[in-house]
Protein backbone atom coordinates (compact mmCIF):
# COMPACT_ATOMS: atom_id res chain seq x y z
CA PHE A 1 10.82 -66.00 88.58
CA LEU A 2 9.72 -63.32 91.05
CA LYS A 3 12.38 -60.86 89.85
CA SER A 4 11.36 -61.16 86.21
CA ARG A 5 7.69 -60.68 87.07
CA PHE A 6 8.51 -57.64 89.20
CA ASP A 7 10.68 -56.20 86.41
CA ARG A 8 7.85 -56.61 83.89
CA LEU A 9 5.34 -55.08 86.29
CA ALA A 10 7.69 -52.18 87.08
CA GLU A 11 8.22 -51.52 83.36
CA TRP A 12 4.49 -51.54 82.72
CA ILE A 13 3.76 -49.21 85.63
CA SER A 14 6.59 -46.87 84.62
CA ALA A 15 5.25 -46.67 81.09
CA ALA A 16 1.68 -46.11 82.27
CA LEU A 17 2.48 -43.51 84.93
CA GLY A 18 4.92 -41.67 82.70
CA ARG A 19 2.20 -40.59 80.30
CA PRO A 20 0.51 -37.18 80.29
CA LEU A 21 -2.87 -38.84 80.85
CA ALA A 22 -1.66 -40.24 84.19
CA PHE A 23 -0.58 -36.77 85.27
CA LEU A 24 -3.94 -35.32 84.25
CA ALA A 25 -5.74 -38.08 86.17
CA ALA A 26 -3.71 -37.33 89.31
CA LEU A 27 -4.34 -33.62 88.86
CA ALA A 28 -8.07 -34.25 88.49
CA LEU A 29 -8.07 -36.42 91.62
CA VAL A 30 -6.36 -33.70 93.66
CA GLY A 31 -8.71 -31.11 92.16
CA PHE A 32 -11.75 -33.20 93.09
CA TRP A 33 -10.35 -33.60 96.62
CA ALA A 34 -9.81 -29.84 96.94
CA ILE A 35 -13.27 -28.99 95.62
CA SER A 36 -14.84 -31.47 98.05
CA GLY A 37 -13.32 -29.61 101.02
CA PRO A 38 -16.38 -27.48 101.82
CA LEU A 39 -18.63 -30.55 101.56
CA PHE A 40 -16.64 -32.20 104.36
CA SER A 41 -16.06 -28.94 106.28
CA TYR A 42 -12.31 -29.32 105.73
CA SER A 43 -12.35 -32.01 108.44
CA ASP A 44 -9.37 -33.94 109.74
CA THR A 45 -10.60 -37.01 107.88
CA TRP A 46 -10.80 -35.03 104.64
CA GLN A 47 -7.16 -33.98 105.09
CA LEU A 48 -6.14 -37.50 106.11
CA VAL A 49 -7.45 -38.89 102.81
CA ILE A 50 -5.03 -36.87 100.68
CA ASN A 51 -2.16 -37.26 103.13
CA THR A 52 -2.53 -41.04 103.25
CA GLY A 53 -2.98 -41.35 99.50
CA THR A 54 0.07 -39.29 98.64
CA THR A 55 2.21 -41.00 101.29
CA ILE A 56 1.37 -44.48 100.03
CA SER A 57 1.90 -43.43 96.42
CA THR A 58 5.27 -41.90 97.22
CA PHE A 59 6.36 -44.95 99.20
CA LEU A 60 5.55 -47.28 96.31
CA MET A 61 7.11 -44.99 93.71
CA VAL A 62 10.44 -45.13 95.57
CA PHE A 63 10.67 -48.84 94.81
CA LEU A 64 9.65 -48.29 91.21
CA LEU A 65 12.25 -45.56 90.73
CA GLN A 66 14.94 -47.70 92.35
CA ASN A 67 14.11 -50.60 90.03
CA THR A 68 14.21 -48.32 87.00
CA GLY A 69 17.55 -46.88 88.11
CA ASN A 70 19.00 -50.35 88.67
CA ARG A 71 17.92 -51.48 85.20
CA THR A 72 19.36 -48.33 83.61
CA ILE A 73 22.71 -48.81 85.34
CA ALA A 74 22.81 -52.49 84.30
CA GLU A 75 22.09 -51.53 80.67
CA LEU A 76 24.77 -48.85 80.67
CA GLN A 77 27.34 -51.29 82.04
CA ALA A 78 26.48 -53.93 79.44
């Protein structure tokens, strides 16, 4: 039950994040963060926001990529 729900969620996220619009949204977010630097005087907290956000995103994407790779290998073997 849990595996099938995770597989469906992983497929949906992969499809959504693999689109050009998702890349443009991420680019806009980083651009907004960079432009806001002077407003926050390039403070440690300002830097921590992007560092934390990218670290968490990367951590979660590792699981998504592993799931996608596992499904691809299983399909190739079938």
